[in-house]
């Protein structure tokens, strides 16, 4: 075993993961899980609200988590490169994009979007992507996000 600090870390990591790619594969999976947990927590915590208001609270919760953790920066800049390095059998067995998570949120929360789950998922994805452009919107970002979210949720729910 290498005597350096990093050598010990690397050796330990290989006890749990067959390759460095599989080790780093955990990162996008955790981002999906934690980001959608923020939205799910909001949906559960606001169960007494009407459907449009519940949904309108959940999307900013996910956006806040993505913004505070800078997870979307990783997804946009690094995740694709990392995923390309994984063997296809690993991807096929273990990886799914966020589509399943996005579609599950309204279904698991008892929300029935007008226009269907696919439309709600696409709208949710679009709203979440505003996190990437909040610098261009500056101080108005919270207002812009609220305007977009409430308008979409009124139409969907």
N, C-alpha and C. Protein backbone atom coordinates (compact mmCIF):
# COMPACT_ATOMS: atom_id res chain seq x y z
N UNK A 1 0.85 -1.18 0.00
CA UNK A 1 0.00 0.00 0.00
C UNK A 1 0.89 1.23 0.00
N UNK A 2 0.56 2.26 -0.81
CA UNK A 2 1.36 3.48 -0.81
C UNK A 2 1.35 4.13 0.57
N UNK A 3 2.43 4.84 0.86
CA UNK A 3 2.58 5.45 2.18
C UNK A 3 2.03 6.87 2.24
N UNK A 4 1.60 7.44 1.12
CA UNK A 4 1.07 8.80 1.13
C UNK A 4 -0.38 8.79 1.62
N UNK A 5 -0.82 9.94 2.07
CA UNK A 5 -2.20 10.08 2.52
C UNK A 5 -3.16 9.72 1.40
N UNK A 6 -2.91 10.25 0.20
CA UNK A 6 -3.82 9.99 -0.92
C UNK A 6 -3.75 8.54 -1.36
N UNK A 7 -2.60 7.93 -1.24
CA UNK A 7 -2.49 6.51 -1.57
C UNK A 7 -3.40 5.68 -0.69
N UNK A 8 -3.47 6.02 0.57
CA UNK A 8 -4.35 5.30 1.50
C UNK A 8 -5.82 5.50 1.12
N UNK A 9 -6.14 6.72 0.76
CA UNK A 9 -7.52 7.02 0.36
C UNK A 9 -7.88 6.22 -0.89
N UNK A 10 -6.99 6.23 -1.86
CA UNK A 10 -7.25 5.51 -3.11
C UNK A 10 -7.37 4.02 -2.85
N UNK A 11 -6.47 3.48 -2.05
CA UNK A 11 -6.53 2.06 -1.73
C UNK A 11 -7.86 1.72 -1.05
N UNK A 12 -8.28 2.54 -0.12
CA UNK A 12 -9.55 2.32 0.59
C UNK A 12 -10.72 2.39 -0.38
N UNK A 13 -10.70 3.34 -1.29
CA UNK A 13 -11.79 3.47 -2.26
C UNK A 13 -11.92 2.21 -3.11
N UNK A 14 -10.80 1.62 -3.49
CA UNK A 14 -10.85 0.42 -4.33
C UNK A 14 -11.37 -0.80 -3.57
N UNK A 15 -11.44 -0.72 -2.24
CA UNK A 15 -12.06 -1.80 -1.46
C UNK A 15 -13.56 -1.82 -1.70
N UNK A 16 -14.12 -0.66 -2.05
CA UNK A 16 -15.57 -0.55 -2.23
C UNK A 16 -15.99 -0.40 -3.68
N UNK A 17 -15.10 0.06 -4.54
CA UNK A 17 -15.43 0.31 -5.93
C UNK A 17 -14.40 -0.38 -6.82
N UNK A 18 -14.87 -0.99 -7.90
CA UNK A 18 -13.97 -1.69 -8.81
C UNK A 18 -13.10 -0.76 -9.64
N UNK A 19 -13.52 0.50 -9.79
CA UNK A 19 -12.75 1.45 -10.59
C UNK A 19 -13.03 2.86 -10.09
N UNK A 20 -12.17 3.79 -10.50
CA UNK A 20 -12.40 5.19 -10.11
C UNK A 20 -13.67 5.73 -10.77
N UNK A 21 -14.01 5.24 -11.95
CA UNK A 21 -15.23 5.69 -12.61
C UNK A 21 -16.46 5.31 -11.79
N UNK A 22 -16.44 4.09 -11.24
CA UNK A 22 -17.58 3.67 -10.42
C UNK A 22 -17.65 4.46 -9.12
N UNK A 23 -16.52 4.83 -8.59
CA UNK A 23 -16.49 5.67 -7.41
C UNK A 23 -17.16 7.02 -7.72
N UNK A 24 -16.76 7.64 -8.80
CA UNK A 24 -17.31 8.94 -9.15
C UNK A 24 -18.75 8.85 -9.68
N UNK A 25 -19.17 7.66 -10.08
CA UNK A 25 -20.54 7.43 -10.52
C UNK A 25 -21.52 7.72 -9.38
N UNK A 26 -21.08 7.54 -8.16
CA UNK A 26 -21.93 7.79 -7.00
C UNK A 26 -22.35 9.26 -6.94
N UNK A 27 -21.49 10.16 -7.40
CA UNK A 27 -21.79 11.59 -7.31
C UNK A 27 -23.06 11.97 -8.06
N UNK A 28 -23.20 11.66 -9.36
CA UNK A 28 -24.45 12.04 -10.03
C UNK A 28 -25.68 11.35 -9.43
N UNK A 29 -25.50 10.11 -8.99
CA UNK A 29 -26.63 9.42 -8.36
C UNK A 29 -27.06 10.14 -7.09
N UNK A 30 -26.09 10.56 -6.28
CA UNK A 30 -26.42 11.28 -5.05
C UNK A 30 -27.04 12.63 -5.34
N UNK A 31 -26.58 13.31 -6.39
CA UNK A 31 -27.17 14.60 -6.75
C UNK A 31 -28.64 14.41 -7.09
N UNK A 32 -28.95 13.41 -7.90
CA UNK A 32 -30.35 13.15 -8.23
C UNK A 32 -31.16 12.87 -6.97
N UNK A 33 -30.64 11.99 -6.14
CA UNK A 33 -31.38 11.59 -4.94
C UNK A 33 -31.61 12.76 -4.00
N UNK A 34 -30.58 13.52 -3.71
CA UNK A 34 -30.70 14.62 -2.75
C UNK A 34 -31.50 15.81 -3.30
N UNK A 35 -31.30 16.11 -4.55
CA UNK A 35 -32.04 17.22 -5.16
C UNK A 35 -33.54 16.95 -5.18
N UNK A 36 -33.90 15.75 -5.55
CA UNK A 36 -35.32 15.42 -5.58
C UNK A 36 -35.88 15.20 -4.19
N UNK A 37 -35.04 14.85 -3.24
CA UNK A 37 -35.50 14.74 -1.85
C UNK A 37 -35.92 16.11 -1.32
N UNK A 38 -35.23 17.16 -1.74
CA UNK A 38 -35.61 18.52 -1.32
C UNK A 38 -37.01 18.86 -1.84
N UNK A 39 -37.29 18.52 -3.08
CA UNK A 39 -38.62 18.77 -3.64
C UNK A 39 -39.67 17.89 -2.96
N UNK A 40 -39.34 16.63 -2.73
CA UNK A 40 -40.27 15.71 -2.08
C UNK A 40 -40.60 16.16 -0.66
N UNK A 41 -39.59 16.62 0.06
CA UNK A 41 -39.79 17.12 1.42
C UNK A 41 -40.76 18.31 1.40
N UNK A 42 -40.59 19.19 0.44
CA UNK A 42 -41.49 20.33 0.32
C UNK A 42 -42.91 19.88 0.01
N UNK A 43 -43.07 18.94 -0.91
CA UNK A 43 -44.40 18.44 -1.25
C UNK A 43 -45.08 17.81 -0.04
N UNK A 44 -44.33 17.05 0.73
CA UNK A 44 -44.90 16.41 1.92
C UNK A 44 -45.23 17.44 2.99
N UNK A 45 -44.36 18.42 3.16
CA UNK A 45 -44.57 19.44 4.18
C UNK A 45 -45.72 20.39 3.86
N UNK A 46 -46.09 20.45 2.61
CA UNK A 46 -47.17 21.35 2.18
C UNK A 46 -48.40 20.58 1.72
N UNK A 47 -48.60 19.39 2.27
CA UNK A 47 -49.69 18.51 1.83
C UNK A 47 -51.07 19.15 1.94
N UNK A 48 -51.24 20.11 2.86
CA UNK A 48 -52.56 20.73 3.05
C UNK A 48 -52.88 21.79 2.00
N UNK A 49 -51.88 22.21 1.26
CA UNK A 49 -52.09 23.26 0.25
C UNK A 49 -52.76 22.68 -1.00
N UNK A 50 -53.40 23.54 -1.78
CA UNK A 50 -53.93 23.09 -3.08
C UNK A 50 -52.78 22.62 -3.98
N UNK A 51 -53.09 21.75 -4.94
CA UNK A 51 -52.03 21.16 -5.78
C UNK A 51 -51.10 22.17 -6.44
N UNK A 52 -51.62 23.25 -7.01
CA UNK A 52 -50.76 24.23 -7.69
C UNK A 52 -49.79 24.88 -6.70
N UNK A 53 -50.25 25.16 -5.50
CA UNK A 53 -49.37 25.79 -4.50
C UNK A 53 -48.32 24.80 -3.98
N UNK A 54 -48.72 23.54 -3.83
CA UNK A 54 -47.75 22.51 -3.40
C UNK A 54 -46.62 22.39 -4.42
N UNK A 55 -47.00 22.29 -5.68
CA UNK A 55 -46.00 22.18 -6.74
C UNK A 55 -45.14 23.45 -6.81
N UNK A 56 -45.80 24.60 -6.64
CA UNK A 56 -45.08 25.88 -6.72
C UNK A 56 -44.09 26.05 -5.57
N UNK A 57 -44.26 25.35 -4.48
CA UNK A 57 -43.30 25.40 -3.38
C UNK A 57 -42.16 24.40 -3.59
N UNK A 58 -42.46 23.29 -4.24
CA UNK A 58 -41.47 22.22 -4.40
C UNK A 58 -40.36 22.59 -5.39
N UNK A 59 -40.72 23.23 -6.47
CA UNK A 59 -39.72 23.55 -7.50
C UNK A 59 -38.65 24.51 -6.97
N UNK A 60 -39.03 25.60 -6.31
CA UNK A 60 -37.98 26.47 -5.73
C UNK A 60 -37.14 25.76 -4.67
N UNK A 61 -37.73 24.80 -3.96
CA UNK A 61 -36.95 24.04 -2.97
C UNK A 61 -35.82 23.27 -3.66
N UNK A 62 -36.15 22.63 -4.78
CA UNK A 62 -35.12 21.91 -5.54
C UNK A 62 -34.10 22.89 -6.13
N UNK A 63 -34.58 24.02 -6.63
CA UNK A 63 -33.67 25.03 -7.20
C UNK A 63 -32.73 25.58 -6.14
N UNK A 64 -33.24 25.83 -4.93
CA UNK A 64 -32.39 26.31 -3.84
C UNK A 64 -31.29 25.31 -3.53
N UNK A 65 -31.67 24.03 -3.45
CA UNK A 65 -30.69 22.99 -3.14
C UNK A 65 -29.62 22.95 -4.24
N UNK A 66 -30.04 22.97 -5.49
CA UNK A 66 -29.09 22.93 -6.60
C UNK A 66 -28.18 24.15 -6.60
N UNK A 67 -28.72 25.30 -6.26
CA UNK A 67 -27.94 26.53 -6.22
C UNK A 67 -26.95 26.53 -5.06
N UNK A 68 -27.44 26.17 -3.87
CA UNK A 68 -26.58 26.19 -2.68
C UNK A 68 -25.45 25.18 -2.76
N UNK A 69 -25.70 24.02 -3.32
CA UNK A 69 -24.67 22.99 -3.40
C UNK A 69 -23.83 23.09 -4.66
N UNK A 70 -24.28 23.91 -5.60
CA UNK A 70 -23.62 24.05 -6.91
C UNK A 70 -23.62 22.72 -7.68
N UNK A 71 -24.58 21.88 -7.36
CA UNK A 71 -24.67 20.57 -8.00
C UNK A 71 -24.95 20.68 -9.49
N UNK A 72 -25.74 21.68 -9.88
CA UNK A 72 -26.06 21.82 -11.29
C UNK A 72 -24.82 22.18 -12.10
N UNK A 73 -23.91 22.90 -11.50
CA UNK A 73 -22.64 23.22 -12.17
C UNK A 73 -21.90 21.93 -12.50
N UNK A 74 -21.85 21.01 -11.53
CA UNK A 74 -21.21 19.72 -11.78
C UNK A 74 -21.93 18.96 -12.88
N UNK A 75 -23.25 18.92 -12.80
CA UNK A 75 -24.02 18.18 -13.80
C UNK A 75 -23.77 18.73 -15.20
N UNK A 76 -23.78 20.05 -15.32
CA UNK A 76 -23.62 20.66 -16.64
C UNK A 76 -22.19 20.57 -17.16
N UNK A 77 -21.20 20.63 -16.27
CA UNK A 77 -19.81 20.70 -16.72
C UNK A 77 -19.05 19.38 -16.70
N UNK A 78 -19.39 18.49 -15.78
CA UNK A 78 -18.54 17.32 -15.57
C UNK A 78 -19.23 15.97 -15.70
N UNK A 79 -20.49 15.90 -15.43
CA UNK A 79 -21.17 14.61 -15.36
C UNK A 79 -21.12 13.84 -16.68
N UNK A 80 -21.37 14.52 -17.79
CA UNK A 80 -21.39 13.83 -19.08
C UNK A 80 -20.04 13.18 -19.39
N UNK A 81 -18.98 13.91 -19.13
CA UNK A 81 -17.64 13.37 -19.37
C UNK A 81 -17.39 12.14 -18.50
N UNK A 82 -17.80 12.22 -17.27
CA UNK A 82 -17.63 11.10 -16.35
C UNK A 82 -18.45 9.89 -16.80
N UNK A 83 -19.68 10.12 -17.18
CA UNK A 83 -20.55 9.02 -17.59
C UNK A 83 -20.06 8.35 -18.87
N UNK A 84 -19.43 9.11 -19.76
CA UNK A 84 -18.89 8.52 -20.99
C UNK A 84 -17.80 7.51 -20.70
N UNK A 85 -17.12 7.66 -19.58
CA UNK A 85 -16.03 6.76 -19.22
C UNK A 85 -16.50 5.43 -18.64
N UNK A 86 -17.75 5.38 -18.24
CA UNK A 86 -18.26 4.16 -17.63
C UNK A 86 -18.56 3.11 -18.68
N UNK A 87 -18.31 1.86 -18.37
CA UNK A 87 -18.67 0.79 -19.30
C UNK A 87 -20.19 0.76 -19.52
N UNK A 88 -20.60 0.43 -20.74
CA UNK A 88 -22.02 0.45 -21.09
C UNK A 88 -22.84 -0.46 -20.20
N UNK A 89 -22.30 -1.61 -19.81
CA UNK A 89 -23.07 -2.52 -18.96
C UNK A 89 -23.36 -1.90 -17.59
N UNK A 90 -22.43 -1.10 -17.08
CA UNK A 90 -22.65 -0.41 -15.80
C UNK A 90 -23.73 0.65 -15.96
N UNK A 91 -23.63 1.42 -17.04
CA UNK A 91 -24.65 2.45 -17.30
C UNK A 91 -26.03 1.82 -17.46
N UNK A 92 -26.11 0.76 -18.23
CA UNK A 92 -27.40 0.12 -18.47
C UNK A 92 -28.01 -0.42 -17.19
N UNK A 93 -27.16 -0.95 -16.32
CA UNK A 93 -27.65 -1.57 -15.08
C UNK A 93 -27.97 -0.55 -14.00
N UNK A 94 -27.13 0.47 -13.85
CA UNK A 94 -27.21 1.33 -12.67
C UNK A 94 -27.64 2.76 -12.90
N UNK A 95 -27.53 3.25 -14.12
CA UNK A 95 -27.76 4.68 -14.32
C UNK A 95 -29.10 4.94 -14.97
N UNK A 96 -29.79 5.93 -14.46
CA UNK A 96 -30.96 6.49 -15.12
C UNK A 96 -30.88 8.00 -14.92
N UNK A 97 -31.35 8.72 -15.90
CA UNK A 97 -31.28 10.18 -15.79
C UNK A 97 -32.37 10.66 -14.84
N UNK A 98 -32.51 11.94 -14.74
CA UNK A 98 -33.45 12.49 -13.77
C UNK A 98 -34.91 12.40 -14.21
N UNK A 99 -35.16 11.91 -15.40
CA UNK A 99 -36.53 11.82 -15.91
C UNK A 99 -37.41 10.99 -14.97
N UNK A 100 -36.92 9.87 -14.51
CA UNK A 100 -37.69 9.03 -13.60
C UNK A 100 -38.01 9.73 -12.30
N UNK A 101 -37.03 10.47 -11.76
CA UNK A 101 -37.26 11.23 -10.54
C UNK A 101 -38.31 12.32 -10.76
N UNK A 102 -38.16 13.05 -11.86
CA UNK A 102 -39.07 14.16 -12.13
C UNK A 102 -40.49 13.65 -12.30
N UNK A 103 -40.65 12.56 -13.02
CA UNK A 103 -42.00 12.01 -13.23
C UNK A 103 -42.59 11.44 -11.95
N UNK A 104 -41.75 10.91 -11.09
CA UNK A 104 -42.24 10.28 -9.86
C UNK A 104 -42.75 11.31 -8.84
N UNK A 105 -42.17 12.50 -8.85
CA UNK A 105 -42.57 13.51 -7.85
C UNK A 105 -44.07 13.79 -7.82
N UNK A 106 -44.68 14.18 -8.93
CA UNK A 106 -46.12 14.43 -8.86
C UNK A 106 -46.92 13.15 -8.58
N UNK A 107 -46.50 12.06 -9.20
CA UNK A 107 -47.23 10.80 -9.02
C UNK A 107 -47.23 10.36 -7.56
N UNK A 108 -46.06 10.37 -6.92
CA UNK A 108 -45.95 9.94 -5.53
C UNK A 108 -46.61 10.91 -4.57
N UNK A 109 -46.81 12.13 -4.99
CA UNK A 109 -47.42 13.15 -4.13
C UNK A 109 -48.91 13.32 -4.38
N UNK A 110 -49.46 12.50 -5.27
CA UNK A 110 -50.89 12.58 -5.54
C UNK A 110 -51.29 13.76 -6.42
N UNK A 111 -50.32 14.35 -7.10
CA UNK A 111 -50.64 15.46 -8.00
C UNK A 111 -50.91 14.91 -9.40
N UNK A 112 -51.96 15.38 -10.01
CA UNK A 112 -52.33 14.92 -11.35
C UNK A 112 -52.27 16.10 -12.31
N UNK A 113 -51.15 16.28 -12.99
CA UNK A 113 -51.02 17.44 -13.87
C UNK A 113 -51.92 17.34 -15.10
N UNK A 114 -52.56 18.48 -15.40
CA UNK A 114 -53.32 18.56 -16.65
C UNK A 114 -52.28 18.52 -17.77
N UNK A 115 -52.55 17.79 -18.79
CA UNK A 115 -51.60 17.69 -19.89
C UNK A 115 -50.65 16.52 -19.71
N UNK A 116 -50.70 15.85 -18.55
CA UNK A 116 -49.92 14.65 -18.34
C UNK A 116 -48.59 14.86 -17.63
N UNK A 117 -48.05 13.75 -17.18
CA UNK A 117 -46.80 13.76 -16.43
C UNK A 117 -45.61 14.18 -17.30
N UNK A 118 -45.64 13.79 -18.57
CA UNK A 118 -44.52 14.16 -19.45
C UNK A 118 -44.40 15.67 -19.59
N UNK A 119 -45.54 16.35 -19.74
CA UNK A 119 -45.52 17.81 -19.84
C UNK A 119 -45.04 18.43 -18.53
N UNK A 120 -45.53 17.92 -17.40
CA UNK A 120 -45.11 18.44 -16.10
C UNK A 120 -43.62 18.22 -15.89
N UNK A 121 -43.12 17.05 -16.29
CA UNK A 121 -41.69 16.76 -16.15
C UNK A 121 -40.85 17.70 -17.00
N UNK A 122 -41.28 17.94 -18.23
CA UNK A 122 -40.54 18.85 -19.11
C UNK A 122 -40.56 20.28 -18.57
N UNK A 123 -41.71 20.71 -18.06
CA UNK A 123 -41.81 22.05 -17.48
C UNK A 123 -40.93 22.15 -16.24
N UNK A 124 -40.97 21.12 -15.40
CA UNK A 124 -40.11 21.10 -14.20
C UNK A 124 -38.65 21.18 -14.55
N UNK A 125 -38.24 20.43 -15.54
CA UNK A 125 -36.84 20.47 -15.99
C UNK A 125 -36.47 21.86 -16.47
N UNK A 126 -37.34 22.47 -17.25
CA UNK A 126 -37.08 23.83 -17.73
C UNK A 126 -36.93 24.83 -16.59
N UNK A 127 -37.80 24.72 -15.60
CA UNK A 127 -37.73 25.63 -14.46
C UNK A 127 -36.46 25.41 -13.65
N UNK A 128 -36.08 24.16 -13.47
CA UNK A 128 -34.86 23.85 -12.72
C UNK A 128 -33.63 24.41 -13.44
N UNK A 129 -33.65 24.39 -14.75
CA UNK A 129 -32.50 24.89 -15.51
C UNK A 129 -32.29 26.39 -15.37
N UNK A 130 -33.28 27.09 -14.83
CA UNK A 130 -33.08 28.53 -14.58
C UNK A 130 -31.96 28.76 -13.57
N UNK A 131 -31.67 27.77 -12.74
CA UNK A 131 -30.58 27.90 -11.76
C UNK A 131 -29.28 28.24 -12.47
N UNK A 132 -29.08 27.67 -13.65
CA UNK A 132 -27.86 27.92 -14.41
C UNK A 132 -27.73 29.36 -14.88
N UNK A 133 -28.84 30.07 -14.94
CA UNK A 133 -28.83 31.42 -15.50
C UNK A 133 -29.16 32.49 -14.47
N UNK A 134 -29.13 32.14 -13.22
CA UNK A 134 -29.51 33.13 -12.21
C UNK A 134 -28.54 34.30 -12.16
N UNK A 135 -27.30 34.10 -12.50
CA UNK A 135 -26.36 35.23 -12.53
C UNK A 135 -26.76 36.27 -13.57
N UNK A 136 -27.27 35.81 -14.71
CA UNK A 136 -27.70 36.74 -15.74
C UNK A 136 -28.95 37.53 -15.31
N UNK A 137 -29.75 36.94 -14.41
CA UNK A 137 -30.96 37.62 -13.94
C UNK A 137 -30.69 38.48 -12.71
N UNK A 138 -29.56 38.25 -12.08
CA UNK A 138 -29.16 39.06 -10.94
C UNK A 138 -30.14 39.00 -9.78
N UNK A 139 -30.36 40.15 -9.18
CA UNK A 139 -31.22 40.24 -8.00
C UNK A 139 -32.68 39.89 -8.30
N UNK A 140 -33.03 39.93 -9.56
CA UNK A 140 -34.42 39.62 -9.94
C UNK A 140 -34.68 38.12 -10.05
N UNK A 141 -33.64 37.30 -9.92
CA UNK A 141 -33.83 35.86 -10.09
C UNK A 141 -34.96 35.29 -9.22
N UNK A 142 -35.02 35.58 -7.93
CA UNK A 142 -36.12 34.99 -7.13
C UNK A 142 -37.50 35.38 -7.67
N UNK A 143 -37.65 36.62 -8.10
CA UNK A 143 -38.93 37.06 -8.65
C UNK A 143 -39.22 36.37 -9.99
N UNK A 144 -38.20 36.26 -10.82
CA UNK A 144 -38.38 35.61 -12.12
C UNK A 144 -38.76 34.15 -11.91
N UNK A 145 -38.04 33.46 -11.03
CA UNK A 145 -38.36 32.06 -10.76
C UNK A 145 -39.79 31.93 -10.23
N UNK A 146 -40.17 32.77 -9.30
CA UNK A 146 -41.52 32.72 -8.75
C UNK A 146 -42.58 32.94 -9.83
N UNK A 147 -42.36 33.91 -10.69
CA UNK A 147 -43.28 34.20 -11.78
C UNK A 147 -43.43 32.98 -12.70
N UNK A 148 -42.32 32.42 -13.10
CA UNK A 148 -42.34 31.26 -13.99
C UNK A 148 -42.98 30.04 -13.32
N UNK A 149 -42.60 29.79 -12.08
CA UNK A 149 -43.11 28.62 -11.36
C UNK A 149 -44.62 28.73 -11.14
N UNK A 150 -45.06 29.88 -10.64
CA UNK A 150 -46.50 30.03 -10.37
C UNK A 150 -47.33 29.97 -11.65
N UNK A 151 -46.83 30.57 -12.72
CA UNK A 151 -47.55 30.48 -13.99
C UNK A 151 -47.64 29.06 -14.50
N UNK A 152 -46.53 28.33 -14.45
CA UNK A 152 -46.53 26.93 -14.91
C UNK A 152 -47.44 26.07 -14.04
N UNK A 153 -47.36 26.27 -12.73
CA UNK A 153 -48.16 25.44 -11.82
C UNK A 153 -49.66 25.73 -11.95
N UNK A 154 -50.03 26.98 -12.20
CA UNK A 154 -51.45 27.29 -12.42
C UNK A 154 -51.95 26.57 -13.66
N UNK A 155 -51.13 26.51 -14.71
CA UNK A 155 -51.52 25.82 -15.94
C UNK A 155 -51.55 24.31 -15.78
N UNK A 156 -50.60 23.77 -15.02
CA UNK A 156 -50.48 22.32 -14.90
C UNK A 156 -51.41 21.71 -13.87
N UNK A 157 -51.72 22.47 -12.83
CA UNK A 157 -52.50 21.88 -11.73
C UNK A 157 -53.75 22.68 -11.47
